[in-house]
Amino acid sequence: MPAVSVRLWDLERLVGRSIDVEELRRLSDFLKLEFEEVHGDSVTFEAPHDRLDLYSAEGLARALALLLGLRKPSTYSVSWSSIYVDAKEAPRYRPYVMVAVVRGVELDDEAISQLFQLQEKLHLTHCGNREMVSIGLYDLDTLKPPIYYRAIPTAEFKPLGYATSMSAEELLEVTEKGRLYGHLVRRGEYPLLVDSAGTVLSLPPIINSEDTRITERSRNVLIDVTGTEPRLMASILATMALAVYERGGKAIEVARVLGREELGEMLFSTLVGREVVVSLRRAENLIGVSVDPSKVAEYLGKHGYIVLEVAEYYTKVWVPPYRADVIDEDDVIEDIAISMDYNAISGQLEGPVVRGVVHPLERAVRFIREVLVGMGFTEVVNFILTDPDYLTSLGYVRFAEIENPKMRTYSALRPSLTPTVLASVSKNVRKYGLQDLKVFEVGDAVDPDSLTSTKRVSGAIYGPGVTLTDSLTTVRTLFETLGLKPSFEPLESLPVAIPGRIAKVVVKGIVVGYAGEVHPRVLKLLELRAPLAFFEVLVNELLKVL
């Protein structure tokens, strides 16, 4: 949970009335905040990871004003800007850009400090430390639109906080941000945001230009996000723009993106907000008490929602664009429960109706894990979701994908554990310079046809001289420890393997796994220089012969 610091006096001016620390502690329960410390007029608290809007004073003040009834929920007036962004020559490895403008703001030193805190908290959490998304804020009045997002061989400008100009290569070596994030750009193909007069806005995701910095005199703020995940970018930019808007903003505009028009449309729709239908029966089932339909608007208004329609069994609500945490109706129902006050909802825990035992599948997995650790393997843990482009590059053709993903890099359901295990080998070898490595993973894979998951154990052996024999020997030792005698039969093909260097593992006529040697093409893709062998055990099938 991100630690956020705010000034009490700043919070009070944004809320519109005085608030003492004790009242703030009481209200924090309704926002799931955890207080850390209070020093004078400075308050530090931990914000829920999914409440991006609470990472600064602007969002916290907005939430408090709604809870206290000092503000009514309202939609935002969003319009298309006359400013546009030309992204036709954007870098291939970081191709997306979105831009919003907030006009008429009033800033001082504390306001700027809070906005930069929000920017950095977002960078360190949801933006993947700038790898997936980076954010930039600029004084619009220092620029001459249109804005160009280009890949260039080099550039020279004055980095933020420096008095002299530097080349792109120099700032990567000299500046702190350059040393921290230089690995995110490719030399000779630097991303650059520049206006029509040649004024540099930034070299994302590294550093902004000193010439366009936000100051207390800034009245119109241009905000950009660049990155690789459009939906996440839209959510991040909406959060940032609406925080800036809280500082006296008069208008919010969205810039069109030439070359990628869909990006502007996506940002516009995000800032407008969306509608969710909530079943009141489901709300009562989840909360455990009856929900009065006549009070739903009051309950949800305290969290920024606008109730559009109330029927006997459902209600339709508008979700504010800064509530990135709201995925479906269950999140809205949670806010209904919070407004009803969790502490006031009575109930009792029912005793267990059955005696718990370890599932045979789990017993088998535990035993396999112990055997592999004893053989010198290190366990790794990966998500069941992975990058569809990565699966395709390995040669996988059929796999299930999420229909409306938040991030493309986590939008495919892995059909096998082998791809993620190989990725773990690649990351660790490249990061730590390892000469050899043995890893395994226990997890689920999803069949693309039935969409059912099965438990599997996959392993990989990397190092000089490694061959198919190493994986076959590992599998044989593992199965013999289980009291089984495996046989190996030729397998025609497998996406990552060398043809003729693959085998299926058979026990009592049932295929319970496979093993192989990774193809040189895949080794090159993974940036590995030594041979790599792998195996995968189908635990559900294995249970049939144990």
Protein backbone atom coordinates (compact mmCIF):
# COMPACT_ATOMS: atom_id res chain seq x y z
CA MET A 1 0.00 0.00 0.00
CA PRO A 2 1.53 3.35 -1.06
CA ALA A 3 2.40 5.77 1.76
CA VAL A 4 0.96 9.21 1.01
CA SER A 5 1.72 12.47 2.84
CA VAL A 6 -0.59 15.51 2.85
CA ARG A 7 -0.73 18.85 4.66
CA LEU A 8 -3.81 19.32 6.83
CA TRP A 9 -4.21 22.97 5.83
CA ASP A 10 -4.04 22.03 2.14
CA LEU A 11 -6.64 19.32 2.70
CA GLU A 12 -8.93 21.79 4.48
CA ARG A 13 -8.86 24.36 1.68
CA LEU A 14 -9.65 21.67 -0.88
CA VAL A 15 -12.47 20.16 1.21
CA GLY A 16 -13.95 23.55 2.05
CA ARG A 17 -13.95 23.40 5.86
CA SER A 18 -11.69 22.62 8.79
CA ILE A 19 -10.91 18.99 9.62
CA ASP A 20 -9.06 17.83 12.70
CA VAL A 21 -6.95 14.69 12.88
CA GLU A 22 -9.51 12.70 14.86
CA GLU A 23 -12.24 13.39 12.32
CA LEU A 24 -9.83 12.43 9.58
CA ARG A 25 -9.11 9.13 11.34
CA ARG A 26 -12.84 8.41 11.64
CA LEU A 27 -13.55 9.17 7.99
CA SER A 28 -10.53 7.17 6.85
CA ASP A 29 -12.36 3.95 7.76
CA PHE A 30 -14.83 4.67 4.95
CA LEU A 31 -11.94 4.98 2.49
CA LYS A 32 -9.91 1.99 3.75
CA LEU A 33 -6.97 4.21 4.71
CA GLU A 34 -4.43 3.26 7.36
CA PHE A 35 -2.81 6.11 9.30
CA GLU A 36 0.94 5.89 9.79
CA GLU A 37 1.94 9.11 11.55
CA VAL A 38 1.06 12.73 12.24
CA HIS A 39 3.76 15.42 12.55
CA GLY A 40 2.41 18.91 13.06
CA ASP A 41 0.20 19.63 10.06
CA SER A 42 1.63 16.72 8.03
CA VAL A 43 -0.38 13.49 7.90
CA THR A 44 0.96 10.26 6.40
CA PHE A 45 -1.33 7.35 5.57
CA GLU A 46 -1.33 4.18 3.51
CA ALA A 47 -3.79 4.26 0.61
CA PRO A 48 -5.41 1.12 -0.81
CA HIS A 49 -3.39 -0.09 -3.77
CA ASP A 50 -6.40 0.03 -6.12
CA ARG A 51 -7.53 3.54 -5.14
CA LEU A 52 -5.25 5.53 -7.43
CA ASP A 53 -7.28 8.67 -6.77
CA LEU A 54 -6.24 8.70 -3.10
CA TYR A 55 -2.51 8.96 -3.79
CA SER A 56 -2.54 12.74 -3.22
CA ALA A 57 -4.39 15.52 -1.39
CA GLU A 58 -6.61 16.31 -4.40
CA GLY A 59 -8.29 12.93 -4.55
CA LEU A 60 -8.44 12.53 -0.77
CA ALA A 61 -10.10 15.94 -0.40
CA ARG A 62 -12.64 15.08 -3.09
CA ALA A 63 -13.49 11.80 -1.34
CA LEU A 64 -13.80 13.51 2.07
CA ALA A 65 -16.05 16.26 0.71
CA LEU A 66 -18.36 13.61 -0.75
CA LEU A 67 -18.48 11.66 2.52
CA LEU A 68 -19.26 14.82 4.49
CA GLY A 69 -21.98 15.91 2.07
CA LEU A 70 -20.09 19.10 1.20
CA ARG A 71 -20.06 18.14 -2.45
CA LYS A 72 -22.57 16.43 -4.70
CA PRO A 73 -21.38 13.84 -7.23
CA SER A 74 -21.13 15.33 -10.70
CA THR A 75 -20.04 14.38 -14.18
CA TYR A 76 -17.20 16.15 -15.92
CA SER A 77 -17.50 18.32 -19.00
CA VAL A 78 -14.92 16.99 -21.43
CA SER A 79 -14.30 18.40 -24.90
CA TRP A 80 -11.97 17.82 -27.82
CA SER A 81 -8.97 20.13 -27.81
CA SER A 82 -7.76 22.14 -30.78
CA ILE A 83 -4.34 20.74 -29.89
CA TYR A 84 -3.38 17.46 -31.51
CA VAL A 85 -0.50 15.01 -31.24
CA ASP A 86 1.23 13.55 -34.28
CA ALA A 87 2.32 10.00 -33.45
CA LYS A 88 3.00 8.76 -36.96
CA GLU A 89 6.73 8.41 -36.22
CA ALA A 90 6.41 7.05 -32.68
CA PRO A 91 9.02 4.53 -31.46
CA ARG A 92 8.04 0.96 -32.29
CA TYR A 93 8.82 -0.37 -28.81
CA ARG A 94 6.85 2.37 -27.01
CA PRO A 95 4.21 3.27 -29.59
CA TYR A 96 1.32 4.82 -27.66
CA VAL A 97 0.70 8.39 -26.50
CA MET A 98 -2.30 10.22 -25.02
CA VAL A 99 -2.61 13.88 -24.10
CA ALA A 100 -5.09 15.88 -22.00
CA VAL A 101 -5.25 19.58 -21.18
CA VAL A 102 -6.61 21.13 -17.97
CA ARG A 103 -7.23 24.88 -18.18
CA GLY A 104 -7.61 27.57 -15.54
CA VAL A 105 -5.79 25.94 -12.62
CA GLU A 106 -4.37 27.80 -9.62
CA LEU A 107 -1.14 26.34 -8.30
CA ASP A 108 1.23 27.01 -5.45
CA ASP A 109 4.23 25.14 -4.11
CA GLU A 110 2.14 22.64 -2.09
CA ALA A 111 -0.22 21.98 -5.00
CA ILE A 112 2.71 21.24 -7.31
CA SER A 113 4.29 19.03 -4.65
CA GLN A 114 1.08 17.00 -4.32
CA LEU A 115 0.68 16.55 -8.07
CA PHE A 116 4.27 15.35 -8.37
CA GLN A 117 3.68 12.98 -5.45
CA LEU A 118 0.69 11.53 -7.32
CA GLN A 119 2.79 11.22 -10.47
CA GLU A 120 5.57 9.31 -8.71
CA LYS A 121 3.21 7.07 -6.70
CA LEU A 122 1.50 6.08 -9.95
CA HIS A 123 4.87 5.50 -11.61
CA LEU A 124 6.06 3.22 -8.82
CA THR A 125 2.84 1.20 -8.60
CA HIS A 126 0.45 0.84 -11.52
CA CYS A 127 2.85 2.13 -14.18
CA GLY A 128 5.37 -0.65 -13.55
CA ASN A 129 8.09 1.80 -12.52
CA ARG A 130 7.58 3.66 -15.85
CA GLU A 131 8.02 0.54 -17.97
CA MET A 132 4.35 0.27 -18.99
CA VAL A 133 3.32 3.93 -18.59
CA SER A 134 5.11 7.20 -17.92
CA ILE A 135 3.50 10.55 -17.08
CA GLY A 136 4.55 14.08 -17.93
CA LEU A 137 3.13 17.48 -16.83
CA TYR A 138 3.98 20.70 -18.68
CA ASP A 139 3.09 24.38 -18.72
CA LEU A 140 0.98 24.57 -21.89
CA ASP A 141 1.68 28.30 -22.32
CA THR A 142 5.37 27.56 -22.95
CA LEU A 143 4.47 25.35 -25.94
CA LYS A 144 3.48 25.88 -29.57
CA PRO A 145 1.19 23.03 -30.67
CA PRO A 146 0.89 20.67 -32.39
CA ILE A 147 2.90 18.16 -30.38
CA TYR A 148 5.00 15.49 -32.08
CA TYR A 149 5.83 12.10 -30.59
CA ARG A 150 8.82 10.73 -32.48
CA ALA A 151 11.63 8.23 -32.41
CA ILE A 152 14.89 10.08 -33.04
CA PRO A 153 18.57 9.03 -33.24
CA THR A 154 19.58 11.66 -30.64
CA ALA A 155 18.41 14.91 -29.04
CA GLU A 156 19.72 17.81 -27.02
CA PHE A 157 17.79 19.79 -24.41
CA LYS A 158 17.97 21.09 -20.85
CA PRO A 159 16.77 18.31 -18.48
CA LEU A 160 14.44 19.23 -15.62
CA GLY A 161 16.45 20.64 -12.71
CA TYR A 162 19.58 21.35 -14.78
CA ALA A 163 20.92 24.67 -16.09
CA THR A 164 22.73 23.34 -19.16
CA SER A 165 21.68 21.37 -22.21
CA MET A 166 22.69 17.73 -22.61
CA SER A 167 22.49 15.18 -25.37
CA ALA A 168 20.28 12.14 -24.88
CA GLU A 169 23.36 10.02 -24.32
CA GLU A 170 24.73 12.44 -21.71
CA LEU A 171 21.56 12.72 -19.65
CA LEU A 172 21.35 8.93 -19.40
CA GLU A 173 24.75 8.99 -17.71
CA VAL A 174 24.62 12.27 -15.78
CA THR A 175 21.09 12.56 -14.41
CA GLU A 176 19.66 10.38 -11.64
CA LYS A 177 16.55 9.60 -13.70
CA GLY A 178 18.73 8.70 -16.66
CA ARG A 179 20.65 6.15 -14.62
CA LEU A 180 17.46 4.73 -13.11
CA TYR A 181 15.37 4.44 -16.27
CA GLY A 182 17.87 4.48 -19.13
CA HIS A 183 17.33 0.76 -19.69
CA LEU A 184 13.77 1.52 -20.84
CA VAL A 185 14.89 3.28 -24.03
CA ARG A 186 16.86 2.09 -27.02
CA ARG A 187 19.92 4.08 -27.99
CA GLY A 188 19.54 5.54 -31.44
CA GLU A 189 15.74 5.28 -31.19
CA TYR A 190 14.93 7.71 -28.39
CA PRO A 191 11.28 8.64 -27.73
CA LEU A 192 10.84 12.41 -27.84
CA LEU A 193 7.92 14.77 -27.30
CA VAL A 194 8.52 18.09 -29.06
CA ASP A 195 6.33 21.01 -30.17
CA SER A 196 6.13 22.69 -33.58
CA ALA A 197 8.83 25.20 -32.62
CA GLY A 198 11.27 22.45 -31.68
CA THR A 199 10.86 22.93 -27.91
CA VAL A 200 11.39 19.58 -26.19
CA LEU A 201 8.72 18.54 -23.70
CA SER A 202 10.43 15.37 -22.53
CA LEU A 203 12.34 12.25 -23.33
CA PRO A 204 9.85 9.74 -21.95
CA PRO A 205 10.01 7.76 -19.77
CA ILE A 206 13.23 9.35 -18.49
CA ILE A 207 12.93 13.06 -17.80
CA ASN A 208 11.09 16.28 -18.70
CA SER A 209 12.58 19.47 -20.08
CA GLU A 210 13.39 22.41 -17.84
CA ASP A 211 11.90 24.77 -20.43
CA THR A 212 8.37 23.42 -19.96
CA ARG A 213 8.31 22.88 -16.19
CA ILE A 214 5.19 23.51 -14.08
CA THR A 215 5.46 26.59 -11.82
CA GLU A 216 3.17 28.61 -9.56
CA ARG A 217 2.48 30.87 -12.56
CA SER A 218 1.20 27.99 -14.70
CA ARG A 219 -2.51 28.26 -15.47
CA ASN A 220 -2.96 25.73 -18.25
CA VAL A 221 -1.44 22.27 -17.85
CA LEU A 222 -0.76 19.75 -20.58
CA ILE A 223 -0.46 16.13 -19.39
CA ASP A 224 0.83 13.24 -21.45
CA VAL A 225 1.21 9.53 -20.95
CA THR A 226 3.33 7.30 -23.17
CA GLY A 227 3.76 3.57 -22.95
CA THR A 228 2.75 0.12 -24.09
CA GLU A 229 -0.65 -0.44 -22.42
CA PRO A 230 -3.39 1.83 -23.85
CA ARG A 231 -6.17 0.99 -21.37
CA LEU A 232 -3.88 1.44 -18.41
CA MET A 233 -2.60 4.67 -19.93
CA ALA A 234 -6.13 6.04 -20.25
CA SER A 235 -6.90 5.18 -16.63
CA ILE A 236 -3.67 6.74 -15.37
CA LEU A 237 -4.13 9.92 -17.41
CA ALA A 238 -7.75 10.29 -16.25
CA THR A 239 -6.61 10.01 -12.63
CA MET A 240 -3.87 12.58 -13.17
CA ALA A 241 -6.00 15.04 -15.15
CA LEU A 242 -8.85 14.99 -12.63
CA ALA A 243 -6.39 15.60 -9.78
CA VAL A 244 -5.06 18.67 -11.61
CA TYR A 245 -8.66 19.74 -12.23
CA GLU A 246 -9.24 19.79 -8.45
CA ARG A 247 -6.79 22.71 -8.28
CA GLY A 248 -9.37 25.15 -9.64
CA GLY A 249 -9.56 23.73 -13.16
CA LYS A 250 -12.15 25.23 -15.48
CA ALA A 251 -12.04 22.86 -18.46
CA ILE A 252 -10.75 19.41 -19.46
CA GLU A 253 -9.77 18.73 -23.06
CA VAL A 254 -8.58 15.66 -24.92
CA ALA A 255 -6.07 15.92 -27.77
CA ARG A 256 -6.56 13.86 -30.89
CA VAL A 257 -3.72 11.51 -31.84
CA LEU A 258 -2.85 11.48 -35.53
CA GLY A 259 -1.80 8.04 -36.67
CA ARG A 260 -3.54 6.38 -33.71
CA GLU A 261 -6.96 8.02 -33.54
CA GLU A 262 -8.35 5.26 -31.32
CA LEU A 263 -6.15 6.43 -28.44
CA GLY A 264 -7.88 9.79 -28.19
CA GLU A 265 -11.28 8.09 -28.34
CA MET A 266 -10.28 5.71 -25.55
CA LEU A 267 -9.14 8.56 -23.30
CA PHE A 268 -12.26 10.61 -24.03
CA SER A 269 -14.59 7.73 -23.12
CA THR A 270 -12.60 7.09 -19.93
CA LEU A 271 -12.94 10.72 -18.80
CA VAL A 272 -16.67 10.73 -19.52
CA GLY A 273 -17.19 7.82 -17.11
CA ARG A 274 -19.27 4.71 -17.56
CA GLU A 275 -22.45 3.01 -16.38
CA VAL A 276 -22.80 -0.15 -14.30
CA VAL A 277 -26.00 -2.04 -13.52
CA VAL A 278 -26.18 -3.35 -9.96
CA SER A 279 -28.51 -6.17 -8.92
CA LEU A 280 -30.06 -5.32 -5.54
CA ARG A 281 -30.66 -9.02 -4.90
CA ARG A 282 -26.97 -9.67 -5.40
CA ALA A 283 -26.17 -6.76 -3.11
CA GLU A 284 -28.33 -8.27 -0.36
CA ASN A 285 -26.77 -11.72 -0.88
CA LEU A 286 -23.22 -10.36 -0.65
CA ILE A 287 -23.81 -7.97 2.25
CA GLY A 288 -26.13 -10.31 4.14
CA VAL A 289 -28.82 -7.74 5.00
CA SER A 290 -31.65 -6.11 3.08
CA VAL A 291 -30.83 -2.98 1.07
CA ASP A 292 -33.43 -0.20 0.95
CA PRO A 293 -33.69 0.89 -2.74
CA SER A 294 -34.70 4.39 -1.66
CA LYS A 295 -31.37 4.86 0.11
CA VAL A 296 -29.09 3.52 -2.62
CA ALA A 297 -28.58 6.99 -4.13
CA GLU A 298 -27.54 8.33 -0.71
CA TYR A 299 -25.19 5.42 -0.05
CA LEU A 300 -23.47 5.66 -3.42
CA GLY A 301 -23.41 9.45 -3.56
CA LYS A 302 -20.93 9.36 -0.68
CA HIS A 303 -18.49 7.59 -2.99
CA GLY A 304 -18.94 9.75 -6.09
CA TYR A 305 -21.48 7.63 -7.99
CA ILE A 306 -24.60 9.09 -9.58
CA VAL A 307 -27.68 6.85 -9.53
CA LEU A 308 -29.33 7.06 -12.95
CA GLU A 309 -32.18 4.63 -12.43
CA VAL A 310 -33.63 2.64 -9.55
CA ALA A 311 -35.97 -0.28 -10.17
CA GLU A 312 -37.34 -2.96 -7.87
CA TYR A 313 -34.46 -5.36 -8.40
CA TYR A 314 -31.64 -3.29 -9.85
CA THR A 315 -30.09 0.15 -10.02
CA LYS A 316 -28.09 1.77 -12.81
CA VAL A 317 -25.21 4.00 -11.70
CA TRP A 318 -22.62 6.28 -13.28
CA VAL A 319 -19.09 5.47 -12.16
CA PRO A 320 -16.77 8.51 -11.91
CA PRO A 321 -13.68 8.26 -14.15
CA TYR A 322 -11.26 8.57 -11.23
CA ARG A 323 -12.59 5.32 -9.72
CA ALA A 324 -10.25 2.98 -11.59
CA ASP A 325 -10.82 0.40 -8.86
CA VAL A 326 -14.42 -0.23 -9.92
CA ILE A 327 -14.43 -3.22 -12.26
CA ASP A 328 -17.98 -4.52 -11.96
CA GLU A 329 -21.11 -4.41 -9.80
CA ASP A 330 -19.43 -6.13 -6.85
CA ASP A 331 -17.17 -3.11 -6.36
CA VAL A 332 -20.22 -0.84 -6.29
CA ILE A 333 -21.89 -3.18 -3.79
CA GLU A 334 -18.83 -2.92 -1.56
CA ASP A 335 -19.28 0.86 -1.45
CA ILE A 336 -22.95 0.38 -0.55
CA ALA A 337 -21.84 -1.80 2.37
CA ILE A 338 -19.23 0.77 3.45
CA SER A 339 -21.87 3.52 3.48
CA MET A 340 -24.18 1.29 5.52
CA ASP A 341 -21.23 0.99 7.97
CA TYR A 342 -19.61 -2.41 8.23
CA ASN A 343 -19.61 -2.19 12.02
CA ALA A 344 -23.39 -1.80 12.07
CA ILE A 345 -23.99 -4.94 10.00
CA SER A 346 -24.60 -7.78 12.41
CA GLY A 347 -24.20 -11.47 11.72
CA GLN A 348 -22.69 -14.67 12.98
CA LEU A 349 -20.17 -17.17 11.75
CA GLU A 350 -21.53 -20.63 11.07
CA GLY A 351 -19.51 -23.65 12.09
CA PRO A 352 -17.88 -25.95 9.53
CA VAL A 353 -20.14 -28.60 8.02
CA VAL A 354 -17.37 -30.96 6.88
CA ARG A 355 -13.96 -32.01 8.08
CA GLY A 356 -11.17 -30.56 5.96
CA VAL A 357 -8.62 -32.83 4.33
CA VAL A 358 -5.78 -32.20 1.91
CA HIS A 359 -6.91 -32.83 -1.67
CA PRO A 360 -5.06 -35.68 -3.44
CA LEU A 361 -3.98 -33.22 -6.12
CA GLU A 362 -2.38 -30.99 -3.51
CA ARG A 363 -0.69 -33.98 -1.81
CA ALA A 364 0.88 -34.98 -5.13
CA VAL A 365 2.04 -31.44 -5.82
CA ARG A 366 3.61 -31.09 -2.37
CA PHE A 367 5.54 -34.32 -2.85
CA ILE A 368 6.76 -33.34 -6.34
CA ARG A 369 7.84 -29.94 -5.01
CA GLU A 370 9.91 -31.56 -2.24
CA VAL A 371 11.57 -33.97 -4.69
CA LEU A 372 12.52 -31.22 -7.15
CA VAL A 373 13.91 -28.99 -4.41
CA GLY A 374 15.97 -31.98 -3.25
CA MET A 375 17.31 -32.33 -6.80
CA GLY A 376 18.63 -28.75 -6.72
CA PHE A 377 15.77 -26.93 -8.44
CA THR A 378 14.56 -23.49 -7.34
CA GLU A 379 10.83 -22.79 -7.41
CA VAL A 380 9.54 -19.76 -9.33
CA VAL A 381 6.06 -18.25 -9.29
CA ASN A 382 4.36 -16.66 -12.29
CA PHE A 383 0.88 -15.37 -13.11
CA ILE A 384 -1.56 -17.53 -15.04
CA LEU A 385 -1.97 -14.49 -17.32
CA THR A 386 0.76 -13.68 -19.80
CA ASP A 387 1.49 -11.68 -22.95
CA PRO A 388 -0.25 -13.05 -26.08
CA ASP A 389 2.53 -11.61 -28.26
CA TYR A 390 5.07 -13.58 -26.23
CA LEU A 391 3.10 -16.82 -26.67
CA THR A 392 2.80 -16.18 -30.40
CA SER A 393 6.52 -15.50 -30.72
CA LEU A 394 7.24 -18.87 -29.09
CA GLY A 395 5.02 -20.61 -31.63
CA TYR A 396 1.81 -21.10 -29.63
CA VAL A 397 -1.18 -20.64 -31.93
CA ARG A 398 -4.15 -21.52 -29.74
CA PHE A 399 -4.72 -19.97 -26.31
CA ALA A 400 -7.57 -18.19 -24.57
CA GLU A 401 -7.55 -14.40 -24.26
CA ILE A 402 -9.40 -12.01 -21.95
CA GLU A 403 -12.04 -10.05 -23.84
CA ASN A 404 -11.54 -6.65 -22.19
CA PRO A 405 -8.10 -6.67 -20.55
CA LYS A 406 -6.63 -3.87 -18.46
CA MET A 407 -3.15 -4.66 -19.76
CA ARG A 408 -2.24 -6.47 -22.95
CA THR A 409 0.86 -7.99 -21.35
CA TYR A 410 -1.48 -9.88 -19.00
CA SER A 411 -4.35 -10.72 -21.34
CA ALA A 412 -3.69 -14.33 -22.42
CA LEU A 413 -4.34 -17.45 -20.33
CA ARG A 414 -1.28 -19.65 -20.61
CA PRO A 415 -2.02 -23.04 -22.24
CA SER A 416 1.11 -24.46 -20.61
CA LEU A 417 3.54 -23.55 -17.82
CA THR A 418 6.54 -23.94 -20.12
CA PRO A 419 6.40 -20.39 -21.61
CA THR A 420 6.44 -18.68 -18.20
CA VAL A 421 9.15 -20.99 -16.86
CA LEU A 422 11.33 -20.19 -19.87
CA ALA A 423 10.69 -16.48 -19.31
CA SER A 424 11.84 -16.88 -15.69
CA VAL A 425 15.07 -18.50 -16.85
CA SER A 426 15.68 -15.69 -19.34
CA LYS A 427 15.05 -12.92 -16.82
CA ASN A 428 17.26 -14.41 -14.11
CA VAL A 429 20.13 -15.35 -16.42
CA ARG A 430 20.19 -11.89 -18.03
CA LYS A 431 19.76 -9.99 -14.78
CA TYR A 432 22.30 -11.88 -12.66
CA GLY A 433 24.66 -13.21 -15.33
CA LEU A 434 24.09 -16.85 -14.32
CA GLN A 435 25.97 -19.58 -16.15
CA ASP A 436 23.57 -22.36 -15.17
CA LEU A 437 20.14 -22.57 -13.59
CA LYS A 438 17.50 -25.15 -12.65
CA VAL A 439 13.97 -23.89 -11.90
CA PHE A 440 10.46 -25.29 -11.65
CA GLU A 441 6.96 -23.96 -11.26
CA VAL A 442 3.72 -25.40 -9.88
CA GLY A 443 0.58 -23.81 -11.29
CA ASP A 444 -2.45 -23.95 -13.55
CA ALA A 445 -2.74 -23.93 -17.32
CA VAL A 446 -5.97 -23.28 -19.20
CA ASP A 447 -7.32 -25.33 -22.10
CA PRO A 448 -8.35 -22.88 -24.87
CA ASP A 449 -11.36 -25.01 -25.91
CA SER A 450 -13.00 -25.98 -22.62
CA LEU A 451 -11.54 -23.03 -20.65
CA THR A 452 -10.89 -25.44 -17.79
CA SER A 453 -7.68 -25.31 -15.79
CA THR A 454 -5.40 -28.21 -14.94
CA LYS A 455 -2.62 -28.46 -12.40
CA ARG A 456 0.87 -28.84 -13.82
CA VAL A 457 4.52 -28.85 -12.81
CA SER A 458 7.05 -27.50 -15.29
CA GLY A 459 10.82 -27.28 -15.02
CA ALA A 460 13.80 -26.03 -16.98
CA ILE A 461 17.53 -26.81 -16.94
CA TYR A 462 19.94 -24.24 -18.38
CA GLY A 463 23.68 -24.34 -18.86
CA PRO A 464 26.61 -25.45 -21.03
CA GLY A 465 26.23 -29.00 -22.29
CA VAL A 466 22.54 -29.33 -21.33
CA THR A 467 20.57 -31.67 -23.63
CA LEU A 468 17.27 -33.51 -23.81
CA THR A 469 18.86 -36.23 -21.70
CA ASP A 470 18.98 -33.90 -18.69
CA SER A 471 15.24 -33.33 -18.70
CA LEU A 472 14.49 -37.03 -19.32
CA THR A 473 16.76 -38.02 -16.43
CA THR A 474 15.04 -35.53 -14.14
CA VAL A 475 11.59 -36.85 -15.10
CA ARG A 476 12.67 -40.47 -14.64
CA THR A 477 14.12 -39.76 -11.19
CA LEU A 478 10.99 -37.85 -10.17
CA PHE A 479 8.62 -40.62 -11.27
CA GLU A 480 10.67 -43.42 -9.78
CA THR A 481 10.58 -41.56 -6.47
CA LEU A 482 6.79 -41.66 -6.85
CA GLY A 483 7.01 -45.43 -7.37
CA LEU A 484 6.25 -45.24 -11.10
CA LYS A 485 8.13 -46.49 -14.16
CA PRO A 486 7.84 -43.96 -16.99
CA SER A 487 8.51 -44.64 -20.64
CA PHE A 488 9.37 -42.04 -23.26
CA GLU A 489 7.80 -42.01 -26.69
CA PRO A 490 8.52 -39.67 -29.64
CA LEU A 491 6.41 -36.55 -29.86
CA GLU A 492 5.93 -35.06 -33.31
CA SER A 493 6.06 -31.38 -32.41
CA LEU A 494 5.89 -28.83 -29.61
CA PRO A 495 6.05 -25.03 -30.12
CA VAL A 496 9.32 -24.34 -28.28
CA ALA A 497 11.19 -27.58 -28.96
CA ILE A 498 13.66 -28.88 -31.54
CA PRO A 499 11.91 -31.44 -33.80
CA GLY A 500 13.15 -34.91 -32.96
CA ARG A 501 14.30 -33.75 -29.53
CA ILE A 502 10.90 -34.07 -27.83
CA ALA A 503 9.32 -36.95 -25.95
CA LYS A 504 6.02 -37.61 -24.24
CA VAL A 505 6.07 -39.24 -20.82
CA VAL A 506 3.82 -42.30 -20.59
CA VAL A 507 2.87 -44.31 -17.49
CA LYS A 508 0.53 -47.31 -17.74
CA GLY A 509 -0.62 -46.17 -21.18
CA ILE A 510 -1.50 -42.64 -20.05
CA VAL A 511 0.38 -39.55 -21.24
CA VAL A 512 1.36 -37.73 -18.05
CA GLY A 513 3.78 -35.16 -19.42
CA TYR A 514 6.44 -34.27 -21.94
CA ALA A 515 10.06 -33.19 -22.12
CA GLY A 516 12.22 -31.55 -24.73
CA GLU A 517 15.14 -29.38 -25.74
CA VAL A 518 14.49 -25.73 -26.58
CA HIS A 519 14.89 -24.68 -30.21
CA PRO A 520 17.77 -22.27 -31.07
CA ARG A 521 15.21 -19.81 -32.46
CA VAL A 522 13.58 -19.62 -29.02
CA LEU A 523 16.96 -19.34 -27.29
CA LYS A 524 17.75 -16.32 -29.46
CA LEU A 525 14.35 -14.80 -28.65
CA LEU A 526 15.01 -15.28 -24.93
CA GLU A 527 18.55 -13.88 -25.30
CA LEU A 528 20.13 -17.06 -23.93
CA ARG A 529 23.51 -18.35 -25.08
CA ALA A 530 23.57 -21.84 -23.56
CA PRO A 531 21.30 -24.85 -24.23
CA LEU A 532 18.02 -25.17 -22.35
CA ALA A 533 15.95 -28.31 -21.68
CA PHE A 534 12.47 -28.45 -20.15
CA PHE A 535 9.75 -30.79 -18.92
CA GLU A 536 6.11 -30.53 -17.91
CA VAL A 537 4.10 -32.94 -15.75
CA LEU A 538 0.30 -33.11 -16.09
CA VAL A 539 -0.60 -33.64 -12.45
CA ASN A 540 -4.31 -34.34 -13.09
CA GLU A 541 -3.33 -37.20 -15.40
CA LEU A 542 -0.63 -38.36 -13.01
CA LEU A 543 -3.23 -38.92 -10.28
CA LYS A 544 -4.89 -41.54 -12.47
CA VAL A 545 -1.85 -43.80 -12.22
CA LEU A 546 -0.81 -43.14 -8.60
